[in-house]
Amino acid sequence: MARPRKQEVDYFPHYCDHGKVLFILENNFKNDGYAVFYKIEELLARTEGHCYDCSKPENWEYLLSKMNIDETIVSEIIEKLVVMNVIEPELWKEKRIWMQSFVDSITDAYARRKVHLPLKPELMSTETPVRGINVNINPQSKEEESKVNKSKERKTFIAPSLDEISLYCLERKNNIKPQHFLDYQTARDWKLKGGQKIKDWQAVIRTWEHNSFNKEADQRPAYPQKTVEELTS
């Protein structure tokens, strides 16, 4: 059995030349800054897609338990990394940790894999607060989404023309007579047997095919037959 393809790594580079990021963290937070930085990278290494979702309370609690440092200090260090663009600012607004520098550092690990190096995730439409961390939530977003869905539900059904029905029946190569289908559905006000309004007339035609609905109907054409070319011209 083939091994599952995961976007995780067992190791990542730990460079001796730490650069300005770690220098600033250590200058502001001493060893806590150093520890939090590398523990975040360890967490990202073992996270599918290398993007850690802190919007889930259990994930945030797990991150804090790995740090073994006061929550306030951890939050301040993360915010410092956001200010320095080490943690992607827009994704952190959704309480997700994405470090492009970390992903770039493990490029070689994916060079020998069939799975591609993860790309930065797309922003989500909604945001969730994390254990008292204030996230700018737009209360109108769900309301607007609900209005759009209701608008779609209320969309008026437009009955097909005889030519549209004829063309579809020709494409399906069935024995349904388009005029008979149109007259039948018009008489029923385009409603199903249960009284529900038809939403997809093509699906009804396919049901007629399956049930051989007009097999006993008069086989004489109720109107001059047209070719596909005539119907589409």
Protein backbone atom coordinates (compact mmCIF):
# COMPACT_ATOMS: atom_id res chain seq x y z
CA MET A 1 0.00 0.00 0.00
CA ALA A 2 1.35 3.39 -0.98
CA ARG A 3 2.10 5.87 1.79
CA PRO A 4 -0.42 8.72 2.02
CA ARG A 5 0.79 11.96 0.51
CA LYS A 6 0.96 14.53 3.25
CA GLN A 7 2.07 18.13 3.32
CA GLU A 8 4.11 17.74 6.50
CA VAL A 9 7.85 17.51 7.25
CA ASP A 10 9.83 15.76 9.98
CA TYR A 11 12.60 18.34 10.05
CA PHE A 12 13.49 21.85 8.89
CA PRO A 13 16.70 23.96 8.74
CA HIS A 14 17.94 25.58 11.94
CA TYR A 15 20.37 28.19 10.69
CA CYS A 16 23.23 29.41 12.86
CA ASP A 17 22.93 32.92 11.43
CA HIS A 18 19.60 33.88 12.96
CA GLY A 19 19.22 37.24 11.28
CA LYS A 20 17.33 40.28 12.47
CA VAL A 21 14.05 38.51 13.29
CA LEU A 22 15.43 36.42 16.13
CA PHE A 23 17.69 39.28 17.25
CA ILE A 24 14.63 41.52 17.68
CA LEU A 25 12.65 38.79 19.43
CA GLU A 26 15.46 38.05 21.86
CA ASN A 27 16.03 41.74 22.48
CA ASN A 28 12.34 42.23 23.36
CA PHE A 29 11.45 38.90 24.96
CA LYS A 30 14.79 37.30 25.89
CA ASN A 31 14.84 33.50 25.59
CA ASP A 32 11.02 33.38 25.40
CA GLY A 33 11.17 35.04 21.97
CA TYR A 34 13.70 32.49 20.73
CA ALA A 35 11.73 29.55 22.14
CA VAL A 36 8.34 30.65 20.80
CA PHE A 37 9.71 31.28 17.32
CA TYR A 38 11.18 27.80 16.91
CA LYS A 39 8.30 26.05 18.62
CA ILE A 40 5.93 27.72 16.16
CA GLU A 41 8.08 26.42 13.30
CA GLU A 42 8.03 22.93 14.84
CA LEU A 43 4.24 23.14 15.04
CA LEU A 44 3.98 24.30 11.43
CA ALA A 45 6.25 21.46 10.31
CA ARG A 46 3.82 18.87 11.70
CA THR A 47 0.68 20.66 10.51
CA GLU A 48 -0.92 19.59 7.23
CA GLY A 49 -0.33 22.35 4.70
CA HIS A 50 1.96 24.15 7.19
CA CYS A 51 -0.77 26.59 8.21
CA TYR A 52 -1.88 26.40 11.85
CA ASP A 53 -5.46 27.39 12.68
CA CYS A 54 -5.64 29.16 16.05
CA SER A 55 -9.31 30.06 15.59
CA LYS A 56 -10.23 26.70 17.13
CA PRO A 57 -9.97 26.94 20.93
CA GLU A 58 -8.41 23.48 21.25
CA ASN A 59 -5.70 24.41 18.72
CA TRP A 60 -4.89 27.64 20.55
CA GLU A 61 -4.72 25.77 23.86
CA TYR A 62 -2.43 23.15 22.33
CA LEU A 63 -0.10 25.87 21.02
CA LEU A 64 0.08 27.47 24.47
CA SER A 65 0.78 24.12 26.12
CA LYS A 66 3.75 23.58 23.80
CA MET A 67 5.16 27.00 24.64
CA ASN A 68 4.83 26.62 28.43
CA ILE A 69 4.90 30.44 28.58
CA ASP A 70 2.29 32.91 29.76
CA GLU A 71 -0.44 33.43 27.15
CA THR A 72 0.03 37.20 27.15
CA ILE A 73 3.71 36.87 26.26
CA VAL A 74 2.97 34.33 23.51
CA SER A 75 0.37 36.67 22.02
CA GLU A 76 2.80 39.60 22.14
CA ILE A 77 5.51 37.58 20.39
CA ILE A 78 3.09 36.48 17.68
CA GLU A 79 1.92 40.05 17.18
CA LYS A 80 5.58 41.11 16.86
CA LEU A 81 6.08 38.47 14.16
CA VAL A 82 2.97 39.78 12.40
CA VAL A 83 4.30 43.35 12.48
CA MET A 84 7.55 42.12 10.93
CA ASN A 85 5.54 40.21 8.26
CA VAL A 86 7.06 36.92 9.37
CA ILE A 87 3.55 35.70 10.12
CA GLU A 88 1.23 36.68 7.27
CA PRO A 89 -0.85 39.62 8.63
CA GLU A 90 -4.07 39.02 6.67
CA LEU A 91 -4.24 35.35 7.63
CA TRP A 92 -3.52 36.21 11.26
CA LYS A 93 -6.64 38.39 11.23
CA GLU A 94 -8.39 35.05 10.87
CA LYS A 95 -6.10 33.63 13.58
CA ARG A 96 -4.21 31.38 11.18
CA ILE A 97 -0.40 31.18 11.29
CA TRP A 98 1.34 31.09 7.91
CA MET A 99 5.08 31.78 7.70
CA GLN A 100 6.25 32.04 4.10
CA SER A 101 9.88 32.07 5.23
CA PHE A 102 9.38 28.70 6.90
CA VAL A 103 7.75 27.18 3.81
CA ASP A 104 10.56 28.52 1.64
CA SER A 105 13.11 26.90 3.94
CA ILE A 106 11.69 23.40 3.35
CA THR A 107 11.54 23.58 -0.45
CA ASP A 108 14.21 20.89 -0.78
CA ALA A 109 12.12 18.44 1.26
CA TYR A 110 9.35 18.62 -1.34
CA ALA A 111 11.71 18.35 -4.32
CA ARG A 112 11.79 14.58 -3.83
CA ARG A 113 8.06 14.22 -3.34
CA LYS A 114 5.12 13.78 -5.67
CA VAL A 115 3.07 16.23 -3.64
CA HIS A 116 3.64 19.93 -4.28
CA LEU A 117 4.94 22.49 -1.82
CA PRO A 118 1.90 24.11 -0.13
CA LEU A 119 0.82 27.56 -1.25
CA LYS A 120 -0.46 30.33 0.97
CA PRO A 121 -4.11 29.60 1.83
CA GLU A 122 -6.95 31.77 0.62
CA LEU A 123 -8.69 34.05 3.07
CA MET A 124 -11.92 32.74 4.54
CA SER A 125 -15.18 34.71 4.34
CA THR A 126 -15.78 34.68 8.08
CA GLU A 127 -13.57 35.14 11.13
CA THR A 128 -13.70 33.49 14.53
CA PRO A 129 -12.52 34.91 17.88
CA VAL A 130 -9.94 32.93 19.85
CA ARG A 131 -10.22 32.73 23.65
CA GLY A 132 -10.96 36.39 24.15
CA ILE A 133 -8.74 37.65 21.32
CA ASN A 134 -10.81 40.31 19.61
CA VAL A 135 -11.28 39.59 15.90
CA ASN A 136 -13.13 42.02 13.65
CA ILE A 137 -16.25 40.05 12.78
CA ASN A 138 -18.67 41.48 10.30
CA PRO A 139 -22.18 40.58 11.53
CA GLN A 140 -23.66 41.52 8.17
CA SER A 141 -21.73 38.88 6.20
CA LYS A 142 -23.98 35.95 7.13
CA GLU A 143 -27.08 38.11 6.72
CA GLU A 144 -26.03 39.12 3.21
CA GLU A 145 -25.23 35.50 2.35
CA SER A 146 -28.68 34.46 3.60
CA LYS A 147 -30.34 37.12 1.42
CA VAL A 148 -28.48 35.88 -1.65
CA ASN A 149 -29.52 32.28 -0.97
CA LYS A 150 -33.16 33.28 -0.50
CA SER A 151 -33.02 35.29 -3.69
CA LYS A 152 -31.81 32.24 -5.58
CA GLU A 153 -34.59 30.15 -4.08
CA ARG A 154 -37.18 32.68 -5.21
CA LYS A 155 -35.82 32.76 -8.76
CA THR A 156 -38.76 32.43 -11.15
CA PHE A 157 -38.91 29.28 -13.26
CA ILE A 158 -38.95 30.08 -16.98
CA ALA A 159 -40.78 27.53 -19.07
CA PRO A 160 -38.87 26.31 -22.14
CA SER A 161 -40.02 27.00 -25.67
CA LEU A 162 -41.10 24.28 -28.07
CA ASP A 163 -37.83 24.65 -29.99
CA GLU A 164 -35.80 24.27 -26.79
CA ILE A 165 -37.67 21.10 -25.91
CA SER A 166 -37.35 19.78 -29.45
CA LEU A 167 -33.62 20.42 -29.54
CA TYR A 168 -33.07 18.71 -26.21
CA CYS A 169 -35.11 15.67 -27.28
CA LEU A 170 -33.13 15.44 -30.51
CA GLU A 171 -29.87 15.62 -28.58
CA ARG A 172 -31.12 12.89 -26.22
CA LYS A 173 -32.39 10.82 -29.19
CA ASN A 174 -35.51 9.88 -27.28
CA ASN A 175 -39.07 9.20 -28.50
CA ILE A 176 -40.71 11.95 -26.51
CA LYS A 177 -42.90 14.26 -28.57
CA PRO A 178 -41.95 17.84 -27.71
CA GLN A 179 -45.43 19.26 -28.40
CA HIS A 180 -47.05 16.62 -26.20
CA PHE A 181 -44.56 17.35 -23.40
CA LEU A 182 -45.12 21.11 -23.67
CA ASP A 183 -48.92 20.80 -23.70
CA TYR A 184 -48.92 18.36 -20.78
CA GLN A 185 -46.69 20.47 -18.55
CA THR A 186 -48.44 23.72 -19.49
CA ALA A 187 -51.78 22.20 -18.50
CA ARG A 188 -50.28 21.20 -15.15
CA ASP A 189 -48.82 24.69 -14.67
CA TRP A 190 -45.35 23.11 -14.73
CA LYS A 191 -45.90 21.32 -11.44
CA LEU A 192 -44.97 17.82 -10.31
CA LYS A 193 -47.54 15.33 -9.08
CA GLY A 194 -46.95 16.40 -5.50
CA GLY A 195 -47.71 20.01 -6.38
CA GLN A 196 -44.10 21.22 -6.26
CA LYS A 197 -43.05 23.64 -8.95
CA ILE A 198 -40.71 22.17 -11.56
CA LYS A 199 -37.19 23.58 -11.26
CA ASP A 200 -35.44 21.60 -14.01
CA TRP A 201 -37.54 20.73 -17.07
CA GLN A 202 -34.64 18.78 -18.62
CA ALA A 203 -34.60 16.49 -15.58
CA VAL A 204 -38.33 15.87 -16.10
CA ILE A 205 -37.67 14.85 -19.71
CA ARG A 206 -35.06 12.39 -18.54
CA THR A 207 -37.61 10.99 -16.10
CA TRP A 208 -40.08 10.59 -18.96
CA GLU A 209 -37.42 8.67 -20.88
CA HIS A 210 -36.91 6.33 -17.95
CA ASN A 211 -40.64 5.77 -17.43
CA SER A 212 -41.45 5.59 -21.16
CA PHE A 213 -44.12 8.16 -20.37
CA ASN A 214 -45.58 8.62 -23.85
CA LYS A 215 -44.98 5.12 -25.22
CA GLU A 216 -48.72 4.64 -25.65
CA ALA A 217 -49.26 8.13 -27.01
CA ASP A 218 -50.07 8.73 -30.65
CA GLN A 219 -46.78 8.41 -32.55
CA ARG A 220 -47.82 10.81 -35.28
CA PRO A 221 -45.94 14.11 -35.05
CA ALA A 222 -48.10 16.97 -33.82
CA TYR A 223 -46.07 19.49 -35.82
CA PRO A 224 -43.62 19.43 -38.75
CA GLN A 225 -40.37 17.86 -37.57
CA LYS A 226 -37.29 20.10 -37.51
CA THR A 227 -33.64 19.22 -37.78
CA VAL A 228 -31.01 20.26 -35.26
CA GLU A 229 -29.65 22.69 -37.83
CA GLU A 230 -33.06 24.36 -38.21
CA LEU A 231 -33.54 24.62 -34.44
CA THR A 232 -30.12 26.16 -33.84
CA SER A 233 -30.08 28.50 -36.85
